Every structure is written in structure tokens, then in C-alpha cells.
C-alpha atoms as a PDB file:
ATOM      1  CA  UNK A   1     -29.462 -17.306 -44.057  1.00  0.00           C
ATOM      2  CA  UNK A   2     -26.355 -18.624 -45.711  1.00  0.00           C
ATOM      3  CA  UNK A   3     -24.105 -20.977 -43.738  1.00  0.00           C
ATOM      4  CA  UNK A   4     -20.918 -20.609 -45.756  1.00  0.00           C
ATOM      5  CA  UNK A   5     -18.910 -17.654 -47.105  1.00  0.00           C
ATOM      6  CA  UNK A   6     -19.594 -18.762 -50.678  1.00  0.00           C
ATOM      7  CA  UNK A   7     -23.348 -18.897 -50.085  1.00  0.00           C
ATOM      8  CA  UNK A   8     -23.341 -15.507 -48.360  1.00  0.00           C
ATOM      9  CA  UNK A   9     -21.389 -13.954 -51.225  1.00  0.00           C
ATOM     10  CA  UNK A  10     -24.210 -14.947 -53.543  1.00  0.00           C
ATOM     11  CA  UNK A  11     -26.916 -13.398 -51.392  1.00  0.00           C
ATOM     12  CA  UNK A  12     -28.637 -10.182 -52.432  1.00  0.00           C
ATOM     13  CA  UNK A  13     -28.619  -7.152 -50.156  1.00  0.00           C
ATOM     14  CA  UNK A  14     -31.632  -4.875 -50.539  1.00  0.00           C
ATOM     15  CA  UNK A  15     -30.643  -1.346 -49.567  1.00  0.00           C
ATOM     16  CA  UNK A  16     -32.731   1.787 -49.090  1.00  0.00           C
ATOM     17  CA  UNK A  17     -30.540   4.831 -49.745  1.00  0.00           C
ATOM     18  CA  UNK A  18     -31.880   8.140 -48.419  1.00  0.00           C
ATOM     19  CA  UNK A  19     -30.321  11.556 -48.961  1.00  0.00           C
ATOM     20  CA  UNK A  20     -30.334  13.231 -45.557  1.00  0.00           C
ATOM     21  CA  UNK A  21     -31.493  16.787 -44.900  1.00  0.00           C
ATOM     22  CA  UNK A  22     -33.938  16.941 -47.828  1.00  0.00           C
ATOM     23  CA  UNK A  23     -37.726  17.207 -47.571  1.00  0.00           C
ATOM     24  CA  UNK A  24     -39.675  15.696 -49.261  1.00  0.00           C
ATOM     25  CA  UNK A  25     -37.132  12.865 -49.112  1.00  0.00           C
ATOM     26  CA  UNK A  26     -35.009  11.740 -52.036  1.00  0.00           C
ATOM     27  CA  UNK A  27     -34.384   7.993 -51.879  1.00  0.00           C
ATOM     28  CA  UNK A  28     -33.639   4.848 -53.873  1.00  0.00           C
ATOM     29  CA  UNK A  29     -34.229   1.155 -53.216  1.00  0.00           C
ATOM     30  CA  UNK A  30     -31.535  -1.006 -54.804  1.00  0.00           C
ATOM     31  CA  UNK A  31     -30.374  -4.604 -54.740  1.00  0.00           C
ATOM     32  CA  UNK A  32     -26.712  -5.618 -54.946  1.00  0.00           C
ATOM     33  CA  UNK A  33     -24.892  -8.904 -54.454  1.00  0.00           C
ATOM     34  CA  UNK A  34     -22.937  -9.681 -51.302  1.00  0.00           C
ATOM     35  CA  UNK A  35     -19.607  -9.775 -53.154  1.00  0.00           C
ATOM     36  CA  UNK A  36     -19.945  -6.083 -54.094  1.00  0.00           C
ATOM     37  CA  UNK A  37     -16.976  -4.092 -52.795  1.00  0.00           C
ATOM     38  CA  UNK A  38     -17.515  -0.675 -51.255  1.00  0.00           C
ATOM     39  CA  UNK A  39     -15.712   0.824 -54.244  1.00  0.00           C
ATOM     40  CA  UNK A  40     -18.208  -0.845 -56.557  1.00  0.00           C
ATOM     41  CA  UNK A  41     -21.046   0.268 -54.293  1.00  0.00           C
ATOM     42  CA  UNK A  42     -19.767   3.843 -54.590  1.00  0.00           C
ATOM     43  CA  UNK A  43     -20.015   3.610 -58.374  1.00  0.00           C
ATOM     44  CA  UNK A  44     -23.480   2.059 -58.109  1.00  0.00           C
ATOM     45  CA  UNK A  45     -24.665   4.805 -55.755  1.00  0.00           C
ATOM     46  CA  UNK A  46     -23.368   7.492 -58.119  1.00  0.00           C
ATOM     47  CA  UNK A  47     -25.414   6.039 -60.955  1.00  0.00           C
ATOM     48  CA  UNK A  48     -28.483   5.219 -58.901  1.00  0.00           C
ATOM     49  CA  UNK A  49     -28.733   8.570 -57.149  1.00  0.00           C
ATOM     50  CA  UNK A  50     -27.743  10.614 -60.210  1.00  0.00           C
ATOM     51  CA  UNK A  51     -24.365  12.078 -59.249  1.00  0.00           C
ATOM     52  CA  UNK A  52     -21.407  12.314 -61.639  1.00  0.00           C
ATOM     53  CA  UNK A  53     -18.455  11.247 -59.483  1.00  0.00           C
ATOM     54  CA  UNK A  54     -16.576  14.534 -59.626  1.00  0.00           C
ATOM     55  CA  UNK A  55     -15.999  14.867 -55.872  1.00  0.00           C
ATOM     56  CA  UNK A  56     -14.455  12.922 -53.010  1.00  0.00           C
ATOM     57  CA  UNK A  57     -16.469  10.406 -51.045  1.00  0.00           C
ATOM     58  CA  UNK A  58     -16.265   8.266 -47.930  1.00  0.00           C
ATOM     59  CA  UNK A  59     -18.193   5.446 -46.274  1.00  0.00           C
ATOM     60  CA  UNK A  60     -18.790   5.261 -42.533  1.00  0.00           C
ATOM     61  CA  UNK A  61     -19.610   1.685 -41.591  1.00  0.00           C
ATOM     62  CA  UNK A  62     -20.344   1.418 -37.885  1.00  0.00           C
ATOM     63  CA  UNK A  63     -17.767   4.100 -37.097  1.00  0.00           C
ATOM     64  CA  UNK A  64     -15.023   2.830 -39.423  1.00  0.00           C
ATOM     65  CA  UNK A  65     -14.157   5.050 -42.429  1.00  0.00           C
ATOM     66  CA  UNK A  66     -13.600   3.522 -45.875  1.00  0.00           C
ATOM     67  CA  UNK A  67     -12.595   5.297 -49.058  1.00  0.00           C
ATOM     68  CA  UNK A  68      -9.901   5.662 -51.684  1.00  0.00           C
ATOM     69  CA  UNK A  69      -6.489   6.036 -49.936  1.00  0.00           C
ATOM     70  CA  UNK A  70      -5.070   7.517 -53.142  1.00  0.00           C
ATOM     71  CA  UNK A  71      -7.491  10.427 -52.879  1.00  0.00           C
ATOM     72  CA  UNK A  72      -7.744  10.715 -49.099  1.00  0.00           C
ATOM     73  CA  UNK A  73      -4.926  10.840 -46.554  1.00  0.00           C
ATOM     74  CA  UNK A  74      -3.391   7.374 -46.263  1.00  0.00           C
ATOM     75  CA  UNK A  75      -4.024   5.790 -42.889  1.00  0.00           C
ATOM     76  CA  UNK A  76      -7.165   7.814 -42.229  1.00  0.00           C
ATOM     77  CA  UNK A  77      -9.436   5.548 -44.269  1.00  0.00           C
ATOM     78  CA  UNK A  78      -9.399   1.845 -45.022  1.00  0.00           C
ATOM     79  CA  UNK A  79      -9.273   0.820 -48.680  1.00  0.00           C
ATOM     80  CA  UNK A  80     -12.818   0.471 -50.021  1.00  0.00           C
ATOM     81  CA  UNK A  81     -11.585  -1.780 -52.831  1.00  0.00           C
ATOM     82  CA  UNK A  82     -10.512  -4.471 -50.371  1.00  0.00           C
ATOM     83  CA  UNK A  83     -13.744  -5.023 -48.481  1.00  0.00           C
ATOM     84  CA  UNK A  84     -17.011  -6.561 -49.609  1.00  0.00           C
ATOM     85  CA  UNK A  85     -20.505  -5.822 -48.399  1.00  0.00           C
ATOM     86  CA  UNK A  86     -21.047  -9.340 -47.100  1.00  0.00           C
ATOM     87  CA  UNK A  87     -17.963  -8.973 -44.878  1.00  0.00           C
ATOM     88  CA  UNK A  88     -19.231  -5.760 -43.295  1.00  0.00           C
ATOM     89  CA  UNK A  89     -22.968  -6.225 -42.927  1.00  0.00           C
ATOM     90  CA  UNK A  90     -24.358  -9.254 -41.151  1.00  0.00           C
ATOM     91  CA  UNK A  91     -27.936  -8.380 -40.223  1.00  0.00           C
ATOM     92  CA  UNK A  92     -31.025  -6.847 -41.736  1.00  0.00           C
ATOM     93  CA  UNK A  93     -31.994  -3.375 -40.430  1.00  0.00           C
ATOM     94  CA  UNK A  94     -28.359  -2.349 -39.965  1.00  0.00           C
ATOM     95  CA  UNK A  95     -27.459   1.133 -41.184  1.00  0.00           C
ATOM     96  CA  UNK A  96     -24.286   2.748 -42.489  1.00  0.00           C
ATOM     97  CA  UNK A  97     -23.488   6.018 -44.239  1.00  0.00           C
ATOM     98  CA  UNK A  98     -22.040   7.367 -47.481  1.00  0.00           C
ATOM     99  CA  UNK A  99     -20.749  10.928 -47.841  1.00  0.00           C
ATOM    100  CA  UNK A 100     -20.328  12.466 -51.280  1.00  0.00           C
ATOM    101  CA  UNK A 101     -18.693  15.855 -51.917  1.00  0.00           C
ATOM    102  CA  UNK A 102     -16.929  17.111 -48.804  1.00  0.00           C
ATOM    103  CA  UNK A 103     -17.901  20.677 -49.716  1.00  0.00           C
ATOM    104  CA  UNK A 104     -21.645  20.259 -50.244  1.00  0.00           C
ATOM    105  CA  UNK A 105     -21.723  17.324 -47.786  1.00  0.00           C
ATOM    106  CA  UNK A 106     -24.333  15.097 -49.362  1.00  0.00           C
ATOM    107  CA  UNK A 107     -24.939  12.540 -46.606  1.00  0.00           C
ATOM    108  CA  UNK A 108     -26.694   9.302 -47.504  1.00  0.00           C
ATOM    109  CA  UNK A 109     -28.128   6.853 -44.989  1.00  0.00           C
ATOM    110  CA  UNK A 110     -28.066   3.255 -46.222  1.00  0.00           C
ATOM    111  CA  UNK A 111     -30.516   0.872 -44.565  1.00  0.00           C
ATOM    112  CA  UNK A 112     -30.150  -2.877 -45.092  1.00  0.00           C
ATOM    113  CA  UNK A 113     -33.793  -3.785 -45.587  1.00  0.00           C
ATOM    114  CA  UNK A 114     -33.375  -7.430 -46.599  1.00  0.00           C
ATOM    115  CA  UNK A 115     -30.735 -10.088 -47.181  1.00  0.00           C
ATOM    116  CA  UNK A 116     -32.280 -12.568 -49.609  1.00  0.00           C
ATOM    117  CA  UNK A 117     -31.401 -15.238 -52.188  1.00  0.00           C
ATOM    118  CA  UNK A 118     -30.943 -13.995 -55.771  1.00  0.00           C
ATOM    119  CA  UNK A 119     -33.982 -14.093 -58.021  1.00  0.00           C
ATOM    120  CA  UNK A 120     -33.622 -16.175 -61.147  1.00  0.00           C
ATOM    121  CA  UNK A 121     -33.402 -14.034 -64.273  1.00  0.00           C
ATOM    122  CA  UNK A 122     -32.539 -10.818 -62.425  1.00  0.00           C
ATOM    123  CA  UNK A 123     -29.339  -8.946 -63.289  1.00  0.00           C
ATOM    124  CA  UNK A 124     -27.669  -7.184 -60.365  1.00  0.00           C
ATOM    125  CA  UNK A 125     -27.241  -4.412 -59.391  1.00  0.00           C
ATOM    126  CA  UNK A 126     -30.807  -3.255 -59.920  1.00  0.00           C
ATOM    127  CA  UNK A 127     -32.818  -0.233 -58.837  1.00  0.00           C
ATOM    128  CA  UNK A 128     -36.298  -1.266 -57.745  1.00  0.00           C
ATOM    129  CA  UNK A 129     -37.875   2.107 -57.027  1.00  0.00           C
ATOM    130  CA  UNK A 130     -37.259   5.531 -55.566  1.00  0.00           C
ATOM    131  CA  UNK A 131     -38.521   9.072 -55.257  1.00  0.00           C
ATOM    132  CA  UNK A 132     -37.504  12.430 -56.702  1.00  0.00           C
ATOM    133  CA  UNK A 133     -34.557  13.602 -58.769  1.00  0.00           C
ATOM    134  CA  UNK A 134     -31.001  13.989 -57.558  1.00  0.00           C
ATOM    135  CA  UNK A 135     -30.002  17.597 -56.752  1.00  0.00           C
ATOM    136  CA  UNK A 136     -27.672  19.252 -59.281  1.00  0.00           C
ATOM    137  CA  UNK A 137     -23.968  18.954 -58.544  1.00  0.00           C
ATOM    138  CA  UNK A 138     -22.341  21.910 -56.750  1.00  0.00           C
ATOM    139  CA  UNK A 139     -25.621  23.538 -55.727  1.00  0.00           C
ATOM    140  CA  UNK A 140     -24.507  24.036 -52.112  1.00  0.00           C
ATOM    141  CA  UNK A 141     -25.751  20.979 -50.250  1.00  0.00           C
ATOM    142  CA  UNK A 142     -29.248  20.577 -48.746  1.00  0.00           C
ATOM    143  CA  UNK A 143     -29.509  24.261 -47.809  1.00  0.00           C
ATOM    144  CA  UNK A 144     -28.357  25.431 -51.232  1.00  0.00           C
ATOM    145  CA  UNK A 145     -30.723  23.015 -52.946  1.00  0.00           C
ATOM    146  CA  UNK A 146     -33.653  24.373 -50.959  1.00  0.00           C
ATOM    147  CA  UNK A 147     -32.700  27.890 -52.065  1.00  0.00           C
ATOM    148  CA  UNK A 148     -32.414  26.692 -55.673  1.00  0.00           C
ATOM    149  CA  UNK A 149     -35.911  25.156 -55.630  1.00  0.00           C
ATOM    150  CA  UNK A 150     -37.378  28.312 -54.114  1.00  0.00           C
ATOM    151  CA  UNK A 151     -35.865  30.388 -56.904  1.00  0.00           C
ATOM    152  CA  UNK A 152     -36.996  28.008 -59.648  1.00  0.00           C
ATOM    153  CA  UNK A 153     -40.635  27.850 -58.573  1.00  0.00           C
ATOM    154  CA  UNK A 154     -41.069  31.603 -58.064  1.00  0.00           C
ATOM    155  CA  UNK A 155     -40.851  33.666 -61.283  1.00  0.00           C
ATOM    156  CA  UNK A 156     -40.658  36.835 -59.172  1.00  0.00           C
ATOM    157  CA  UNK A 157     -37.588  35.601 -57.259  1.00  0.00           C
ATOM    158  CA  UNK A 158     -34.522  37.760 -57.940  1.00  0.00           C
ATOM    159  CA  UNK A 159     -32.472  34.664 -58.885  1.00  0.00           C
ATOM    160  CA  UNK A 160     -35.180  32.921 -60.917  1.00  0.00           C
ATOM    161  CA  UNK A 161     -33.767  33.531 -64.395  1.00  0.00           C
ATOM    162  CA  UNK A 162     -30.183  32.886 -63.316  1.00  0.00           C
ATOM    163  CA  UNK A 163     -31.105  29.547 -61.722  1.00  0.00           C
ATOM    164  CA  UNK A 164     -33.151  28.504 -64.730  1.00  0.00           C
ATOM    165  CA  UNK A 165     -30.125  29.074 -66.936  1.00  0.00           C
ATOM    166  CA  UNK A 166     -27.840  27.233 -64.499  1.00  0.00           C
ATOM    167  CA  UNK A 167     -29.801  23.967 -64.273  1.00  0.00           C
ATOM    168  CA  UNK A 168     -30.570  21.681 -67.203  1.00  0.00           C
ATOM    169  CA  UNK A 169     -33.604  22.744 -69.210  1.00  0.00           C
ATOM    170  CA  UNK A 170     -35.394  19.484 -68.441  1.00  0.00           C
ATOM    171  CA  UNK A 171     -34.627  19.479 -64.699  1.00  0.00           C
ATOM    172  CA  UNK A 172     -37.663  18.343 -62.720  1.00  0.00           C
ATOM    173  CA  UNK A 173     -37.127  17.854 -58.945  1.00  0.00           C
ATOM    174  CA  UNK A 174     -39.914  15.272 -58.852  1.00  0.00           C
ATOM    175  CA  UNK A 175     -38.654  13.164 -61.753  1.00  0.00           C
ATOM    176  CA  UNK A 176     -37.573   9.566 -61.139  1.00  0.00           C
ATOM    177  CA  UNK A 177     -37.043   6.957 -63.851  1.00  0.00           C
ATOM    178  CA  UNK A 178     -36.035   3.481 -62.657  1.00  0.00           C
ATOM    179  CA  UNK A 179     -35.787   2.158 -66.215  1.00  0.00           C
ATOM    180  CA  UNK A 180     -33.260   4.811 -67.170  1.00  0.00           C
ATOM    181  CA  UNK A 181     -31.213   4.114 -64.043  1.00  0.00           C
ATOM    182  CA  UNK A 182     -31.156   0.393 -64.748  1.00  0.00           C
ATOM    183  CA  UNK A 183     -30.048   0.971 -68.333  1.00  0.00           C
ATOM    184  CA  UNK A 184     -27.075   2.858 -66.933  1.00  0.00           C
ATOM    185  CA  UNK A 185     -26.391   0.226 -64.275  1.00  0.00           C
ATOM    186  CA  UNK A 186     -26.399  -2.655 -66.744  1.00  0.00           C
ATOM    187  CA  UNK A 187     -25.603  -1.407 -70.266  1.00  0.00           C
ATOM    188  CA  UNK A 188     -24.447  -3.678 -73.109  1.00  0.00           C
ATOM    189  CA  UNK A 189     -21.069  -5.268 -72.358  1.00  0.00           C
ATOM    190  CA  UNK A 190     -19.301  -3.244 -75.049  1.00  0.00           C
ATOM    191  CA  UNK A 191     -20.281  -0.028 -73.231  1.00  0.00           C
ATOM    192  CA  UNK A 192     -19.383  -1.014 -69.668  1.00  0.00           C
ATOM    193  CA  UNK A 193     -16.129   0.962 -69.744  1.00  0.00           C
ATOM    194  CA  UNK A 194     -17.995   4.251 -69.531  1.00  0.00           C
ATOM    195  CA  UNK A 195     -20.838   3.375 -67.198  1.00  0.00           C
ATOM    196  CA  UNK A 196     -21.039   4.394 -63.506  1.00  0.00           C
ATOM    197  CA  UNK A 197     -19.304   7.739 -63.948  1.00  0.00           C
ATOM    198  CA  UNK A 198     -15.607   8.149 -63.204  1.00  0.00           C
ATOM    199  CA  UNK A 199     -14.587  11.802 -63.247  1.00  0.00           C
ATOM    200  CA  UNK A 200     -11.453  12.807 -61.360  1.00  0.00           C
ATOM    201  CA  UNK A 201     -12.860  13.727 -57.935  1.00  0.00           C
ATOM    202  CA  UNK A 202     -12.370  16.959 -56.083  1.00  0.00           C
ATOM    203  CA  UNK A 203     -13.426  17.848 -52.547  1.00  0.00           C
END
């Protein structure tokens, strides 16, 4: 373990991110550097999970809320841009939470699996592995997503055709592509301005 702040900043935090309330589970295993701010982690999570950043979000780190004070009521949350991961998390196996979309309430549990030295030749952040596709935006949270899947898999369901038209043609709930995620996480420098989403969020 690092003995100085500079050494700790350079450490890599391996995180397992699990979307709560979904079975079979939807999860991602990612690695980020210790100097990653929570705001940057938010952008990374959006890309890694497959969201588009169009809704409000908030972190809960050991009972303390962090977010964007410009979007949320000032004084209720601490500024996520001013705090780094290495300042908040000190031990492996610690857990904190990330909430995306206050309407659908997509709750993510983030487990700190490892805190390790960086690997030579690896560009961070990186997605190592995961399971299953991200639910479509605005589908109604875990309960609504379950209803959506039921309609999609049953041609006799009264909402089958409507739901097929609503989702993307190539939507596959079991699809996961780490290579595609990593291309979005670390695109060519000239394209970095549009990576990691960035829509104006709503609740």
C-alpha cells in the first residue's frame, strides 16, 4: 500500500459496479486511477454501464451525498468535482453507491475489489469484464425493465409489438462488449470532447 499521497494517487482502484434490483445481475468490473474525481467517475460509469447522461445523479459514500450542486439543491450535496477517489476510499472491500435518474432510480452498488499498482502499458480507465446489457433509458426502473423484457420475449404479449418498436432494433439484454466500451472510454485524443456522454440532465 502506498505511503504517500502522491503514491496513492497513482494507485489503481478495481471496482465492481452492480445494478441493484435486476436478476440475472447486470454488472461491470472497471479499473480507475486514484486521482479520479467523483465527477469523472460519474462520466466513466455512464459510459461503462451504457447510460446516456440525460438524468440527475448522486453518489452516497458512507452516508455522505456527493453530486453536482448546480443541478441539485446547494448545500444538500458536496461537490463531486472537488473530491478524488483516493481521498474517500481507503480499504479494499469497502462499498459505496451511485444513483442515476431520480425517477427510474437506477441504484448501483460499487465494491472496491482491489487497490493495486498500475500495470505498465495499460490505459486507464478500463473495463475488464461484465455481464448483460444496460436497460434502455426511461423504461421505468427495475420493475419497468422486467415488464419490458416480458413483453419482448412473448410474441403473444399485448405490448410486444409496441415494445419492439420502442427499443433499438439490435437490443439484446444479454449483450456485453468490453472492447466497444473501452473504445468509448479511451477514444483518439481528437475525439475526447464528445466521449462519456454529457446531455443536459433531468430528474
